[in-house]
């Protein structure tokens, strides 16, 4: 069963307002906001420095892509890139645990939630242990006399075949 089919994620995505007791997003080593798989509510802290945490709007986004776009444009924050395609099994397991903890805390807080009360922290999405690989240009092929070998460049770039 994928993380999208879990009861906790279905309960999370059915909520009309942000779940009670959520914490602001964390940042990775590159200073980018890490938005977890399937997140639908903005968790940006809009309070001034030194003030009590105040999260952004409570309403739900239709899908994570809209949330990511909103965070980039409205909050002018860098958002960590997501892997294209299907997520790995370990990421799915992390997502299931994350949503289970969110719903458990949301249900425990009940309708009379006071954000100033002391309740255990909701775990945020786990940041990757390794930074993403840096993309670099391939080396330019050169001849023995150190001039650029254009025919070798075409082969490397798959041009002219």
N, C-alpha and C. Protein backbone atom coordinates (compact mmCIF):
# COMPACT_ATOMS: atom_id res chain seq x y z
N UNK A 1 0.85 -1.18 0.00
CA UNK A 1 0.00 0.00 0.00
C UNK A 1 0.90 1.24 0.00
N UNK A 2 0.62 2.17 -0.91
CA UNK A 2 1.43 3.38 -0.99
C UNK A 2 1.01 4.36 0.11
N UNK A 3 1.83 5.37 0.30
CA UNK A 3 1.55 6.36 1.34
C UNK A 3 0.27 7.13 1.03
N UNK A 4 -0.06 7.29 -0.26
CA UNK A 4 -1.28 8.01 -0.64
C UNK A 4 -2.54 7.23 -0.27
N UNK A 5 -2.41 5.90 -0.18
CA UNK A 5 -3.56 5.05 0.15
C UNK A 5 -3.73 4.83 1.65
N UNK A 6 -2.80 5.34 2.45
CA UNK A 6 -2.88 5.12 3.90
C UNK A 6 -4.05 5.92 4.49
N UNK A 7 -4.62 5.40 5.55
CA UNK A 7 -5.76 6.05 6.20
C UNK A 7 -5.37 7.43 6.73
N UNK A 8 -4.14 7.55 7.24
CA UNK A 8 -3.69 8.83 7.80
C UNK A 8 -3.60 9.90 6.71
N UNK A 9 -3.07 9.56 5.53
CA UNK A 9 -2.97 10.56 4.46
C UNK A 9 -4.35 10.92 3.94
N UNK A 10 -5.24 9.95 3.84
CA UNK A 10 -6.60 10.25 3.38
C UNK A 10 -7.30 11.18 4.37
N UNK A 11 -7.09 10.97 5.66
CA UNK A 11 -7.67 11.86 6.68
C UNK A 11 -7.05 13.25 6.57
N UNK A 12 -5.73 13.31 6.36
CA UNK A 12 -5.02 14.59 6.21
C UNK A 12 -5.55 15.36 5.00
N UNK A 13 -5.66 14.68 3.86
CA UNK A 13 -6.08 15.36 2.64
C UNK A 13 -7.56 15.72 2.66
N UNK A 14 -8.34 15.09 3.53
CA UNK A 14 -9.77 15.42 3.64
C UNK A 14 -10.01 16.64 4.53
N UNK A 15 -9.01 17.06 5.29
CA UNK A 15 -9.17 18.22 6.17
C UNK A 15 -9.37 19.49 5.35
N UNK A 16 -10.25 20.36 5.80
CA UNK A 16 -10.47 21.64 5.12
C UNK A 16 -9.51 22.71 5.59
N UNK A 17 -9.06 22.59 6.83
CA UNK A 17 -8.10 23.54 7.40
C UNK A 17 -6.86 22.80 7.87
N UNK A 18 -5.78 23.56 8.05
CA UNK A 18 -4.51 22.99 8.49
C UNK A 18 -4.71 22.19 9.78
N UNK A 19 -4.10 21.02 9.88
CA UNK A 19 -4.22 20.22 11.10
C UNK A 19 -3.66 20.98 12.31
N UNK A 20 -4.27 20.76 13.44
CA UNK A 20 -3.83 21.43 14.67
C UNK A 20 -2.47 20.90 15.11
N UNK A 21 -1.64 21.79 15.63
CA UNK A 21 -0.37 21.38 16.22
C UNK A 21 0.78 21.21 15.25
N UNK A 22 0.65 21.68 14.00
CA UNK A 22 1.77 21.55 13.06
C UNK A 22 2.87 22.53 13.41
N UNK A 23 4.08 22.14 13.12
CA UNK A 23 5.26 22.97 13.34
C UNK A 23 5.71 23.56 12.00
N UNK A 24 6.46 24.66 12.00
CA UNK A 24 6.98 25.21 10.75
C UNK A 24 7.95 24.25 10.08
N UNK A 25 8.11 24.42 8.77
CA UNK A 25 9.05 23.59 8.03
C UNK A 25 10.48 23.83 8.49
N UNK A 26 11.29 22.81 8.34
CA UNK A 26 12.72 22.94 8.57
C UNK A 26 13.41 23.24 7.25
N UNK A 27 14.70 23.51 7.33
CA UNK A 27 15.48 23.76 6.11
C UNK A 27 16.61 22.74 6.04
N UNK A 28 17.05 22.45 4.82
CA UNK A 28 18.16 21.51 4.65
C UNK A 28 19.49 22.26 4.71
N UNK A 29 20.58 21.57 4.43
CA UNK A 29 21.92 22.17 4.51
C UNK A 29 22.10 23.32 3.54
N UNK A 30 21.35 23.32 2.44
CA UNK A 30 21.46 24.37 1.44
C UNK A 30 20.56 25.56 1.77
N UNK A 31 19.84 25.51 2.89
CA UNK A 31 18.96 26.61 3.28
C UNK A 31 17.62 26.58 2.56
N UNK A 32 17.26 25.45 1.98
CA UNK A 32 16.00 25.33 1.25
C UNK A 32 14.93 24.70 2.14
N UNK A 33 13.70 25.14 1.96
CA UNK A 33 12.57 24.56 2.68
C UNK A 33 12.31 23.16 2.14
N UNK A 34 12.13 22.21 3.03
CA UNK A 34 11.87 20.83 2.63
C UNK A 34 10.37 20.55 2.79
N UNK A 35 9.67 20.44 1.66
CA UNK A 35 8.24 20.14 1.66
C UNK A 35 8.10 18.65 1.40
N UNK A 36 7.45 17.95 2.31
CA UNK A 36 7.33 16.50 2.22
C UNK A 36 6.38 16.04 1.13
N UNK A 37 6.39 14.75 0.86
CA UNK A 37 5.52 14.14 -0.14
C UNK A 37 4.06 14.41 0.21
N UNK A 38 3.31 14.97 -0.72
CA UNK A 38 1.87 15.11 -0.56
C UNK A 38 1.40 16.20 0.38
N UNK A 39 2.29 17.06 0.86
CA UNK A 39 1.84 18.10 1.79
C UNK A 39 0.89 19.05 1.07
N UNK A 40 -0.14 19.50 1.79
CA UNK A 40 -1.18 20.34 1.20
C UNK A 40 -1.41 21.65 1.96
N UNK A 41 -0.73 21.85 3.08
CA UNK A 41 -0.93 23.04 3.90
C UNK A 41 0.40 23.78 4.08
N UNK A 42 0.35 25.12 3.99
CA UNK A 42 1.56 25.92 4.16
C UNK A 42 1.93 25.96 5.64
N UNK A 43 3.22 25.73 5.91
CA UNK A 43 3.71 25.75 7.29
C UNK A 43 4.81 26.79 7.46
N UNK A 44 4.79 27.85 6.66
CA UNK A 44 5.79 28.91 6.78
C UNK A 44 5.50 29.73 8.04
N UNK A 45 6.55 30.04 8.78
CA UNK A 45 6.42 30.87 9.97
C UNK A 45 6.44 32.33 9.52
N UNK A 46 5.32 33.03 9.68
CA UNK A 46 5.23 34.41 9.22
C UNK A 46 5.42 35.42 10.36
N UNK A 47 5.72 34.94 11.56
CA UNK A 47 5.96 35.82 12.71
C UNK A 47 7.34 36.47 12.57
N UNK A 48 7.49 37.64 13.19
CA UNK A 48 8.78 38.31 13.19
C UNK A 48 9.76 37.57 14.09
N UNK A 49 11.03 37.86 13.90
CA UNK A 49 12.11 37.23 14.69
C UNK A 49 11.86 37.43 16.18
N UNK A 50 11.94 36.38 16.95
CA UNK A 50 11.79 36.45 18.39
C UNK A 50 10.35 36.37 18.88
N UNK A 51 9.39 36.43 17.96
CA UNK A 51 7.99 36.32 18.35
C UNK A 51 7.55 34.87 18.35
N UNK A 52 6.37 34.63 18.89
CA UNK A 52 5.79 33.30 18.92
C UNK A 52 5.51 32.82 17.48
N UNK A 53 5.63 31.54 17.26
CA UNK A 53 5.42 30.97 15.92
C UNK A 53 3.99 31.22 15.45
N UNK A 54 3.88 31.75 14.22
CA UNK A 54 2.57 31.96 13.59
C UNK A 54 2.66 31.41 12.18
N UNK A 55 1.92 30.35 11.92
CA UNK A 55 1.97 29.73 10.60
C UNK A 55 1.09 30.48 9.62
N UNK A 56 1.43 30.33 8.36
CA UNK A 56 0.72 30.96 7.26
C UNK A 56 -0.72 30.46 7.19
N UNK A 57 -1.40 30.80 6.16
CA UNK A 57 -2.82 30.50 5.96
C UNK A 57 -3.21 29.07 6.33
N UNK A 58 -4.46 28.92 6.74
CA UNK A 58 -4.94 27.62 7.20
C UNK A 58 -5.56 26.80 6.08
N UNK A 59 -5.92 27.44 4.98
CA UNK A 59 -6.64 26.71 3.94
C UNK A 59 -5.74 25.72 3.19
N UNK A 60 -6.38 24.76 2.56
CA UNK A 60 -5.72 23.63 1.91
C UNK A 60 -5.45 23.95 0.44
N UNK A 61 -4.31 23.49 -0.07
CA UNK A 61 -4.01 23.58 -1.49
C UNK A 61 -4.50 22.31 -2.17
N UNK A 62 -4.79 22.39 -3.46
CA UNK A 62 -5.33 21.22 -4.16
C UNK A 62 -4.29 20.12 -4.34
N UNK A 63 -3.03 20.50 -4.51
CA UNK A 63 -1.95 19.51 -4.57
C UNK A 63 -0.63 20.15 -4.21
N UNK A 64 0.37 19.32 -4.01
CA UNK A 64 1.67 19.79 -3.52
C UNK A 64 2.34 20.77 -4.48
N UNK A 65 2.14 20.59 -5.77
CA UNK A 65 2.73 21.50 -6.76
C UNK A 65 2.27 22.93 -6.54
N UNK A 66 0.98 23.11 -6.26
CA UNK A 66 0.47 24.45 -5.99
C UNK A 66 1.07 25.02 -4.71
N UNK A 67 1.22 24.18 -3.70
CA UNK A 67 1.83 24.61 -2.44
C UNK A 67 3.27 25.04 -2.67
N UNK A 68 4.03 24.25 -3.42
CA UNK A 68 5.43 24.59 -3.70
C UNK A 68 5.52 25.92 -4.44
N UNK A 69 4.66 26.12 -5.42
CA UNK A 69 4.65 27.36 -6.19
C UNK A 69 4.30 28.55 -5.28
N UNK A 70 3.33 28.37 -4.40
CA UNK A 70 2.93 29.42 -3.47
C UNK A 70 4.08 29.81 -2.55
N UNK A 71 4.79 28.82 -2.02
CA UNK A 71 5.90 29.09 -1.10
C UNK A 71 7.00 29.86 -1.82
N UNK A 72 7.27 29.49 -3.08
CA UNK A 72 8.31 30.18 -3.86
C UNK A 72 7.93 31.62 -4.16
N UNK A 73 6.66 31.85 -4.54
CA UNK A 73 6.26 33.19 -4.97
C UNK A 73 5.83 34.09 -3.80
N UNK A 74 4.96 33.60 -2.94
CA UNK A 74 4.42 34.44 -1.87
C UNK A 74 5.43 34.67 -0.75
N UNK A 75 6.19 33.64 -0.40
CA UNK A 75 7.14 33.77 0.72
C UNK A 75 8.56 34.00 0.25
N UNK A 76 8.79 33.93 -1.06
CA UNK A 76 10.13 34.14 -1.65
C UNK A 76 11.17 33.23 -1.00
N UNK A 77 10.79 31.97 -0.80
CA UNK A 77 11.69 31.00 -0.18
C UNK A 77 12.18 30.02 -1.23
N UNK A 78 13.40 29.53 -1.04
CA UNK A 78 13.93 28.48 -1.90
C UNK A 78 13.35 27.16 -1.43
N UNK A 79 12.83 26.37 -2.36
CA UNK A 79 12.23 25.08 -2.03
C UNK A 79 13.12 23.98 -2.57
N UNK A 80 13.40 22.98 -1.75
CA UNK A 80 14.25 21.86 -2.16
C UNK A 80 13.60 21.13 -3.33
N UNK A 81 14.42 20.78 -4.31
CA UNK A 81 13.92 20.05 -5.48
C UNK A 81 13.46 18.66 -5.07
N UNK A 82 12.44 18.19 -5.74
CA UNK A 82 11.95 16.83 -5.49
C UNK A 82 12.39 15.92 -6.62
N UNK A 83 12.54 14.67 -6.30
CA UNK A 83 12.91 13.67 -7.30
C UNK A 83 11.74 13.47 -8.24
N UNK A 84 12.00 13.48 -9.53
CA UNK A 84 10.95 13.28 -10.53
C UNK A 84 10.56 11.81 -10.56
N UNK A 85 9.30 11.55 -10.85
CA UNK A 85 8.83 10.17 -10.96
C UNK A 85 8.34 9.63 -9.64
N UNK A 86 8.31 8.32 -9.54
CA UNK A 86 7.82 7.64 -8.35
C UNK A 86 8.81 7.78 -7.20
N UNK A 87 8.29 8.03 -6.01
CA UNK A 87 9.17 8.16 -4.84
C UNK A 87 9.64 6.78 -4.40
N UNK A 88 10.78 6.77 -3.73
CA UNK A 88 11.36 5.51 -3.27
C UNK A 88 10.54 4.93 -2.12
N UNK A 89 10.77 3.66 -1.84
CA UNK A 89 10.06 2.99 -0.76
C UNK A 89 10.32 3.62 0.59
N UNK A 90 11.58 4.01 0.83
CA UNK A 90 11.91 4.60 2.13
C UNK A 90 11.22 5.96 2.31
N UNK A 91 11.12 6.73 1.23
CA UNK A 91 10.42 8.02 1.31
C UNK A 91 8.94 7.80 1.59
N UNK A 92 8.37 6.76 0.99
CA UNK A 92 6.97 6.44 1.22
C UNK A 92 6.70 6.04 2.66
N UNK A 93 7.62 5.26 3.23
CA UNK A 93 7.48 4.85 4.63
C UNK A 93 7.59 6.07 5.55
N UNK A 94 8.54 6.98 5.25
CA UNK A 94 8.67 8.21 6.04
C UNK A 94 7.39 9.03 5.95
N UNK A 95 6.82 9.12 4.74
CA UNK A 95 5.59 9.90 4.56
C UNK A 95 4.44 9.30 5.35
N UNK A 96 4.31 7.97 5.34
CA UNK A 96 3.25 7.31 6.11
C UNK A 96 3.38 7.64 7.60
N UNK A 97 4.62 7.54 8.12
CA UNK A 97 4.86 7.84 9.54
C UNK A 97 4.54 9.31 9.85
N UNK A 98 4.94 10.20 8.95
CA UNK A 98 4.73 11.63 9.12
C UNK A 98 3.23 11.94 9.22
N UNK A 99 2.44 11.42 8.28
CA UNK A 99 1.00 11.71 8.28
C UNK A 99 0.29 11.02 9.44
N UNK A 100 0.76 9.86 9.83
CA UNK A 100 0.17 9.18 10.99
C UNK A 100 0.38 10.03 12.24
N UNK A 101 1.60 10.58 12.40
CA UNK A 101 1.90 11.44 13.56
C UNK A 101 1.08 12.72 13.53
N UNK A 102 0.90 13.30 12.34
CA UNK A 102 0.12 14.54 12.22
C UNK A 102 -1.32 14.29 12.64
N UNK A 103 -1.93 13.25 12.10
CA UNK A 103 -3.34 12.97 12.41
C UNK A 103 -3.50 12.59 13.88
N UNK A 104 -2.56 11.84 14.41
CA UNK A 104 -2.62 11.46 15.84
C UNK A 104 -2.60 12.71 16.71
N UNK A 105 -1.70 13.64 16.40
CA UNK A 105 -1.60 14.87 17.19
C UNK A 105 -2.84 15.74 16.98
N UNK A 106 -3.32 15.82 15.74
CA UNK A 106 -4.51 16.61 15.41
C UNK A 106 -5.71 16.11 16.21
N UNK A 107 -5.89 14.80 16.24
CA UNK A 107 -7.01 14.21 16.98
C UNK A 107 -6.84 14.38 18.49
N UNK A 108 -5.60 14.29 18.98
CA UNK A 108 -5.35 14.43 20.41
C UNK A 108 -5.62 15.85 20.90
N UNK A 109 -5.35 16.83 20.03
CA UNK A 109 -5.53 18.23 20.44
C UNK A 109 -7.00 18.61 20.50
N UNK A 110 -7.83 18.02 19.65
CA UNK A 110 -9.26 18.28 19.67
C UNK A 110 -9.60 19.69 19.22
N UNK A 111 -10.88 20.01 19.26
CA UNK A 111 -11.37 21.30 18.76
C UNK A 111 -10.97 22.47 19.65
N UNK A 112 -10.72 22.23 20.93
CA UNK A 112 -10.36 23.31 21.85
C UNK A 112 -8.85 23.48 21.95
N UNK A 113 -8.17 23.40 20.83
CA UNK A 113 -6.70 23.48 20.78
C UNK A 113 -6.21 24.88 21.13
N UNK A 114 -5.21 24.92 22.01
CA UNK A 114 -4.52 26.15 22.36
C UNK A 114 -3.07 25.99 21.92
N UNK A 115 -2.62 26.76 20.92
CA UNK A 115 -1.26 26.56 20.41
C UNK A 115 -0.16 26.85 21.43
N UNK A 116 -0.48 27.51 22.54
CA UNK A 116 0.53 27.81 23.55
C UNK A 116 0.77 26.66 24.51
N UNK A 117 -0.07 25.61 24.43
CA UNK A 117 0.10 24.49 25.35
C UNK A 117 1.30 23.63 24.94
N UNK A 118 1.84 22.91 25.92
CA UNK A 118 3.02 22.07 25.69
C UNK A 118 2.59 20.65 25.30
N UNK A 119 2.76 20.31 24.04
CA UNK A 119 2.46 18.97 23.53
C UNK A 119 3.67 18.56 22.70
N UNK A 120 3.90 17.26 22.60
CA UNK A 120 5.07 16.78 21.87
C UNK A 120 5.09 17.33 20.44
N UNK A 121 6.28 17.53 19.91
CA UNK A 121 6.46 18.13 18.60
C UNK A 121 6.11 17.14 17.49
N UNK A 122 5.49 17.64 16.42
CA UNK A 122 5.22 16.82 15.24
C UNK A 122 6.52 16.70 14.46
N UNK A 123 6.92 15.49 14.10
CA UNK A 123 8.15 15.37 13.33
C UNK A 123 7.97 15.94 11.93
N UNK A 124 8.95 16.69 11.48
CA UNK A 124 8.92 17.21 10.12
C UNK A 124 9.48 16.18 9.17
N UNK A 125 9.39 16.45 7.89
CA UNK A 125 9.97 15.52 6.94
C UNK A 125 11.47 15.39 7.18
N UNK A 126 11.98 14.21 7.07
CA UNK A 126 13.39 13.97 7.32
C UNK A 126 14.20 14.53 6.16
N UNK A 127 15.20 15.34 6.49
CA UNK A 127 16.05 15.89 5.45
C UNK A 127 17.05 14.84 5.01
N UNK A 128 17.43 14.87 3.75
CA UNK A 128 18.36 13.85 3.28
C UNK A 128 19.71 13.96 3.97
N UNK A 129 20.37 12.81 4.18
CA UNK A 129 21.66 12.82 4.85
C UNK A 129 22.77 13.28 3.92
N UNK A 130 22.60 13.07 2.62
CA UNK A 130 23.59 13.50 1.65
C UNK A 130 23.03 14.67 0.86
N UNK A 131 23.84 15.70 0.62
CA UNK A 131 23.35 16.79 -0.22
C UNK A 131 23.18 16.29 -1.66
N UNK A 132 22.30 16.91 -2.43
CA UNK A 132 22.13 16.46 -3.81
C UNK A 132 23.41 16.63 -4.61
N UNK A 133 23.60 15.76 -5.60
CA UNK A 133 24.80 15.83 -6.42
C UNK A 133 24.79 17.12 -7.23
N UNK A 134 25.95 17.75 -7.33
CA UNK A 134 26.07 18.96 -8.12
C UNK A 134 26.16 18.58 -9.59
N UNK A 135 25.42 19.30 -10.41
CA UNK A 135 25.45 19.06 -11.84
C UNK A 135 26.60 19.87 -12.42
N UNK A 136 27.41 19.24 -13.21
CA UNK A 136 28.52 19.95 -13.82
C UNK A 136 28.58 19.62 -15.30
N UNK A 137 29.19 20.50 -16.05
CA UNK A 137 29.34 20.27 -17.48
C UNK A 137 30.38 19.20 -17.73
N UNK A 138 30.20 18.43 -18.80
CA UNK A 138 31.23 17.44 -19.13
C UNK A 138 32.50 18.15 -19.59
N UNK A 139 33.62 17.47 -19.43
CA UNK A 139 34.89 18.05 -19.88
C UNK A 139 34.89 18.18 -21.40
N UNK A 140 35.52 19.24 -21.88
CA UNK A 140 35.61 19.46 -23.32
C UNK A 140 36.71 18.56 -23.88
N UNK A 141 36.39 17.71 -24.87
CA UNK A 141 37.43 16.85 -25.44
C UNK A 141 38.45 17.68 -26.22
N UNK A 142 39.71 17.36 -26.03
CA UNK A 142 40.78 18.12 -26.69
C UNK A 142 41.71 17.18 -27.45
N UNK A 143 42.33 17.75 -28.48
CA UNK A 143 43.32 17.01 -29.26
C UNK A 143 44.66 17.08 -28.53
N UNK A 144 45.67 16.38 -29.09
CA UNK A 144 47.00 16.39 -28.46
C UNK A 144 47.60 17.79 -28.42
N UNK A 145 47.25 18.62 -29.41
CA UNK A 145 47.79 19.99 -29.42
C UNK A 145 46.93 20.95 -28.57
N UNK A 146 45.99 20.40 -27.77
CA UNK A 146 45.15 21.12 -26.81
C UNK A 146 44.05 21.97 -27.46
N UNK A 147 43.80 21.81 -28.75
CA UNK A 147 42.67 22.49 -29.37
C UNK A 147 41.42 21.64 -29.16
N UNK A 148 40.26 22.25 -29.29
CA UNK A 148 39.00 21.56 -29.06
C UNK A 148 38.74 20.56 -30.18
N UNK A 149 38.39 19.33 -29.82
CA UNK A 149 38.08 18.27 -30.78
C UNK A 149 36.57 18.30 -31.03
N UNK A 150 36.18 19.00 -32.12
CA UNK A 150 34.76 19.22 -32.40
C UNK A 150 34.04 17.94 -32.77
N UNK A 151 34.68 17.04 -33.50
CA UNK A 151 34.00 15.80 -33.87
C UNK A 151 33.73 14.94 -32.63
N UNK A 152 34.64 14.94 -31.67
CA UNK A 152 34.43 14.20 -30.43
C UNK A 152 33.31 14.85 -29.60
N UNK A 153 33.22 16.19 -29.65
CA UNK A 153 32.14 16.89 -28.95
C UNK A 153 30.79 16.50 -29.51
N UNK A 154 30.69 16.40 -30.85
CA UNK A 154 29.43 16.02 -31.48
C UNK A 154 29.02 14.61 -31.06
N UNK A 155 29.99 13.70 -30.97
CA UNK A 155 29.68 12.34 -30.54
C UNK A 155 29.19 12.32 -29.09
N UNK A 156 29.83 13.11 -28.25
CA UNK A 156 29.45 13.18 -26.85
C UNK A 156 28.04 13.75 -26.69
N UNK A 157 27.73 14.76 -27.48
CA UNK A 157 26.42 15.42 -27.39
C UNK A 157 25.36 14.73 -28.23
N UNK A 158 25.72 13.67 -28.95
CA UNK A 158 24.81 12.93 -29.83
C UNK A 158 24.23 13.81 -30.92
N UNK A 159 25.05 14.69 -31.46
CA UNK A 159 24.63 15.57 -32.54
C UNK A 159 25.22 15.05 -33.84
N UNK A 160 24.45 15.08 -34.89
CA UNK A 160 24.95 14.71 -36.21
C UNK A 160 24.97 13.22 -36.46
N UNK A 161 24.17 12.45 -35.75
CA UNK A 161 24.12 11.00 -35.99
C UNK A 161 22.98 10.66 -36.89
